[in-house]
C-alpha atoms as a PDB file:
ATOM      1  CA  MET A   1       0.369   0.263   0.211  1.00  0.00           C
ATOM      2  CA  ARG A   2       1.241   3.475  -0.938  1.00  0.00           C
ATOM      3  CA  ILE A   3       0.759   7.005   0.951  1.00  0.00           C
ATOM      4  CA  LEU A   4       0.244  10.125  -1.825  1.00  0.00           C
ATOM      5  CA  ARG A   5       1.659  12.959  -0.284  1.00  0.00           C
ATOM      6  CA  SER A   6       2.376  16.244  -1.286  1.00  0.00           C
ATOM      7  CA  ARG A   7       5.193  17.101  -3.024  1.00  0.00           C
ATOM      8  CA  GLU A   8       4.915  20.396  -1.504  1.00  0.00           C
ATOM      9  CA  ALA A   9       4.432  20.134   2.699  1.00  0.00           C
ATOM     10  CA  LYS A  10       2.240  23.317   4.074  1.00  0.00           C
ATOM     11  CA  PRO A  11       4.388  23.769   7.509  1.00  0.00           C
ATOM     12  CA  SER A  12       1.824  24.307  10.820  1.00  0.00           C
ATOM     13  CA  PRO A  13       1.963  27.987  11.816  1.00  0.00           C
ATOM     14  CA  ALA A  14       2.908  27.104  15.140  1.00  0.00           C
ATOM     15  CA  TYR A  15       6.243  25.667  12.826  1.00  0.00           C
ATOM     16  CA  ILE A  16       8.916  27.962  13.063  1.00  0.00           C
ATOM     17  CA  GLU A  17      10.332  28.286   9.452  1.00  0.00           C
ATOM     18  CA  VAL A  18      12.876  30.762  10.085  1.00  0.00           C
ATOM     19  CA  VAL A  19      14.856  31.981  12.852  1.00  0.00           C
ATOM     20  CA  ILE A  20      17.136  35.070  13.547  1.00  0.00           C
ATOM     21  CA  GLY A  21      19.150  34.864  16.346  1.00  0.00           C
ATOM     22  CA  PRO A  22      20.394  36.843  18.779  1.00  0.00           C
ATOM     23  CA  GLY A  23      23.832  37.775  16.927  1.00  0.00           C
ATOM     24  CA  ALA A  24      22.070  37.930  13.926  1.00  0.00           C
ATOM     25  CA  SER A  25      21.113  41.145  12.177  1.00  0.00           C
ATOM     26  CA  PHE A  26      19.456  40.811   8.553  1.00  0.00           C
ATOM     27  CA  LYS A  27      18.263  43.607   6.344  1.00  0.00           C
ATOM     28  CA  GLY A  28      15.276  43.374   3.659  1.00  0.00           C
ATOM     29  CA  GLN A  29      12.814  41.306   2.374  1.00  0.00           C
ATOM     30  CA  LEU A  30      11.178  37.920   4.498  1.00  0.00           C
ATOM     31  CA  GLU A  31       8.524  35.657   3.303  1.00  0.00           C
ATOM     32  CA  SER A  32       7.635  32.810   4.696  1.00  0.00           C
ATOM     33  CA  GLN A  33       4.861  30.408   5.004  1.00  0.00           C
ATOM     34  CA  GLY A  34       5.746  29.285   8.141  1.00  0.00           C
ATOM     35  CA  SER A  35       6.562  31.452  11.686  1.00  0.00           C
ATOM     36  CA  ILE A  36       9.355  33.596  11.849  1.00  0.00           C
ATOM     37  CA  ARG A  37      11.562  34.196  15.116  1.00  0.00           C
ATOM     38  CA  ILE A  38      13.639  37.532  15.404  1.00  0.00           C
ATOM     39  CA  ASP A  39      15.879  37.308  18.580  1.00  0.00           C
ATOM     40  CA  GLY A  40      18.460  40.195  16.722  1.00  0.00           C
ATOM     41  CA  PHE A  41      18.369  42.799  14.032  1.00  0.00           C
ATOM     42  CA  TYR A  42      16.308  43.090  11.836  1.00  0.00           C
ATOM     43  CA  GLU A  43      15.143  45.642   9.037  1.00  0.00           C
ATOM     44  CA  GLY A  44      12.711  45.668   6.059  1.00  0.00           C
ATOM     45  CA  THR A  45       9.185  44.183   4.915  1.00  0.00           C
ATOM     46  CA  ILE A  46       8.151  40.490   6.852  1.00  0.00           C
ATOM     47  CA  LYS A  47       5.234  38.694   4.991  1.00  0.00           C
ATOM     48  CA  THR A  48       4.040  35.367   6.252  1.00  0.00           C
ATOM     49  CA  GLN A  49       0.078  33.628   6.736  1.00  0.00           C
ATOM     50  CA  ALA A  50       1.755  32.354   9.842  1.00  0.00           C
ATOM     51  CA  ASN A  51       3.377  33.750  13.123  1.00  0.00           C
ATOM     52  CA  VAL A  52       6.303  36.548  13.544  1.00  0.00           C
ATOM     53  CA  ILE A  53       7.754  36.106  17.519  1.00  0.00           C
ATOM     54  CA  LEU A  54       9.542  39.179  18.404  1.00  0.00           C
ATOM     55  CA  GLY A  55      11.696  38.047  21.081  1.00  0.00           C
ATOM     56  CA  GLU A  56      13.360  40.199  23.965  1.00  0.00           C
ATOM     57  CA  SER A  57      16.569  41.216  22.393  1.00  0.00           C
ATOM     58  CA  ALA A  58      14.740  41.324  18.761  1.00  0.00           C
ATOM     59  CA  LYS A  59      15.276  44.803  16.989  1.00  0.00           C
ATOM     60  CA  VAL A  60      12.997  45.329  14.454  1.00  0.00           C
ATOM     61  CA  VAL A  61      12.366  48.006  11.701  1.00  0.00           C
ATOM     62  CA  ALA A  62       9.276  47.043   9.825  1.00  0.00           C
ATOM     63  CA  ASP A  63       6.351  46.700   7.467  1.00  0.00           C
ATOM     64  CA  ILE A  64       4.948  43.129   8.780  1.00  0.00           C
ATOM     65  CA  GLU A  65       2.089  41.238   7.854  1.00  0.00           C
ATOM     66  CA  ALA A  66       1.200  38.180   9.083  1.00  0.00           C
ATOM     67  CA  LYS A  67      -1.899  36.107  10.757  1.00  0.00           C
ATOM     68  CA  ALA A  68      -0.984  36.854  14.661  1.00  0.00           C
ATOM     69  CA  VAL A  69       2.120  38.610  15.641  1.00  0.00           C
ATOM     70  CA  SER A  70       4.276  38.499  19.351  1.00  0.00           C
ATOM     71  CA  VAL A  71       5.986  41.449  20.304  1.00  0.00           C
ATOM     72  CA  SER A  72       8.257  40.870  23.442  1.00  0.00           C
ATOM     73  CA  GLY A  73      11.340  42.800  22.652  1.00  0.00           C
ATOM     74  CA  ALA A  74      11.911  46.313  20.695  1.00  0.00           C
ATOM     75  CA  PHE A  75       9.743  47.265  17.234  1.00  0.00           C
ATOM     76  CA  LYS A  76       9.074  49.975  15.382  1.00  0.00           C
ATOM     77  CA  GLY A  77       6.865  50.135  11.501  1.00  0.00           C
ATOM     78  CA  THR A  78       3.753  48.965  10.995  1.00  0.00           C
ATOM     79  CA  ILE A  79       1.821  45.642  11.956  1.00  0.00           C
ATOM     80  CA  GLN A  80      -1.577  44.113   9.538  1.00  0.00           C
ATOM     81  CA  ALA A  81      -2.492  40.461  11.551  1.00  0.00           C
ATOM     82  CA  ASP A  82      -4.917  38.972  12.588  1.00  0.00           C
ATOM     83  CA  ARG A  83      -3.914  38.680  16.527  1.00  0.00           C
ATOM     84  CA  VAL A  84      -1.482  41.318  17.806  1.00  0.00           C
ATOM     85  CA  GLU A  85       0.055  41.026  21.044  1.00  0.00           C
ATOM     86  CA  LEU A  86       2.304  43.223  23.165  1.00  0.00           C
ATOM     87  CA  LEU A  87       3.944  41.300  26.120  1.00  0.00           C
ATOM     88  CA  ALA A  88       5.499  42.601  29.779  1.00  0.00           C
ATOM     89  CA  GLY A  89       8.923  44.178  28.651  1.00  0.00           C
ATOM     90  CA  GLY A  90       7.669  44.402  24.627  1.00  0.00           C
ATOM     91  CA  ARG A  91       7.716  48.224  23.166  1.00  0.00           C
ATOM     92  CA  ILE A  92       6.318  49.375  20.116  1.00  0.00           C
ATOM     93  CA  TRP A  93       6.021  52.632  18.388  1.00  0.00           C
ATOM     94  CA  GLY A  94       4.433  52.869  15.320  1.00  0.00           C
ATOM     95  CA  ASP A  95       0.643  51.902  13.896  1.00  0.00           C
ATOM     96  CA  ILE A  96      -1.281  48.252  13.908  1.00  0.00           C
ATOM     97  CA  THR A  97      -4.035  47.519  12.173  1.00  0.00           C
ATOM     98  CA  VAL A  98      -5.422  43.763  13.942  1.00  0.00           C
ATOM     99  CA  LYS A  99      -8.246  42.094  14.456  1.00  0.00           C
ATOM    100  CA  SER A 100      -7.566  40.895  18.813  1.00  0.00           C
ATOM    101  CA  PHE A 101      -5.256  43.338  20.469  1.00  0.00           C
ATOM    102  CA  LEU A 102      -3.987  41.355  23.578  1.00  0.00           C
ATOM    103  CA  LEU A 103      -1.568  44.236  26.021  1.00  0.00           C
ATOM    104  CA  ASP A 104       0.269  43.160  28.916  1.00  0.00           C
ATOM    105  CA  GLU A 105       0.822  44.587  32.191  1.00  0.00           C
ATOM    106  CA  GLY A 106       4.664  46.479  30.875  1.00  0.00           C
ATOM    107  CA  GLY A 107       3.954  46.475  26.866  1.00  0.00           C
ATOM    108  CA  TYR A 108       4.233  49.949  25.503  1.00  0.00           C
ATOM    109  CA  ILE A 109       3.195  51.314  22.391  1.00  0.00           C
ATOM    110  CA  LYS A 110       3.707  54.485  21.291  1.00  0.00           C
ATOM    111  CA  GLY A 111       1.062  55.111  17.879  1.00  0.00           C
ATOM    112  CA  GLN A 112      -2.384  53.991  16.615  1.00  0.00           C
ATOM    113  CA  VAL A 113      -4.098  50.942  17.190  1.00  0.00           C
ATOM    114  CA  VAL A 114      -7.064  50.601  14.486  1.00  0.00           C
ATOM    115  CA  MET A 115      -9.630  47.277  14.889  1.00  0.00           C
ATOM    116  CA  SER A 116     -10.518  45.923  11.681  1.00  0.00           C
ATOM    117  CA  THR A 117     -13.954  43.826  11.833  1.00  0.00           C
ATOM    118  CA  PRO A 118     -16.207  43.696   8.836  1.00  0.00           C
ATOM    119  CA  GLU A 119     -18.721  45.297  11.350  1.00  0.00           C
ATOM    120  CA  PRO A 120     -17.827  47.911  13.412  1.00  0.00           C
ATOM    121  CA  PRO A 121     -20.151  47.718  16.423  1.00  0.00           C
ATOM    122  CA  GLU A 122     -23.395  51.007  17.275  1.00  0.00           C
ATOM    123  CA  ASN A 123     -21.899  53.828  18.633  1.00  0.00           C
ATOM    124  CA  PRO A 124     -23.761  54.385  21.706  1.00  0.00           C
ATOM    125  CA  PHE A 125     -22.712  57.978  21.848  1.00  0.00           C
ATOM    126  CA  GLU A 126     -23.916  59.522  18.698  1.00  0.00           C
ATOM    127  CA  GLU A 127     -24.963  62.655  18.308  1.00  0.00           C
ATOM    128  CA  GLY A 128     -28.168  63.472  19.085  1.00  0.00           C
ATOM    129  CA  GLU A 129     -28.333  59.735  21.288  1.00  0.00           C
ATOM    130  CA  LYS A 130     -28.205  60.225  25.271  1.00  0.00           C
END
C-alpha cells in the first residue's frame, strides 16, 4: 500500500521556519509560509501566512503582515495581523491594524491601534442620542 503526499508540505502556523538569532542582523525582504522568530536585528519587510515572534532581545524596524505577531522586544513600523500580543517588556513605536489586540502589563505602545472588524459595533455615543 502506498500513501500519497503532496510534493510541497505546508507547515503549520506553529512551525518556526525562519530564525534570526540574538547575534544576527538582517536587512531586506523576508517572506515565508511558516512562522518567523527574530531575536536579533532586522530591518525591512516581513510577510507570512503564519506567526511572527519578536523575542526579548529583538530590535526590528519593519512593515509586518502576518496571521499573528507577538512582541517581547523593540519594534518600530507597521503591523497588519489578525492578532497582536504586546507582552511585558515589549515596546512598539508605530501603527497596528488588527482584529484582536492583547496588551500585557509592562508593554508599551506609542502609535495607533485600528481594529479591523467586518462591521464596527454601533456607537451608543453618536450625536442626538442620550
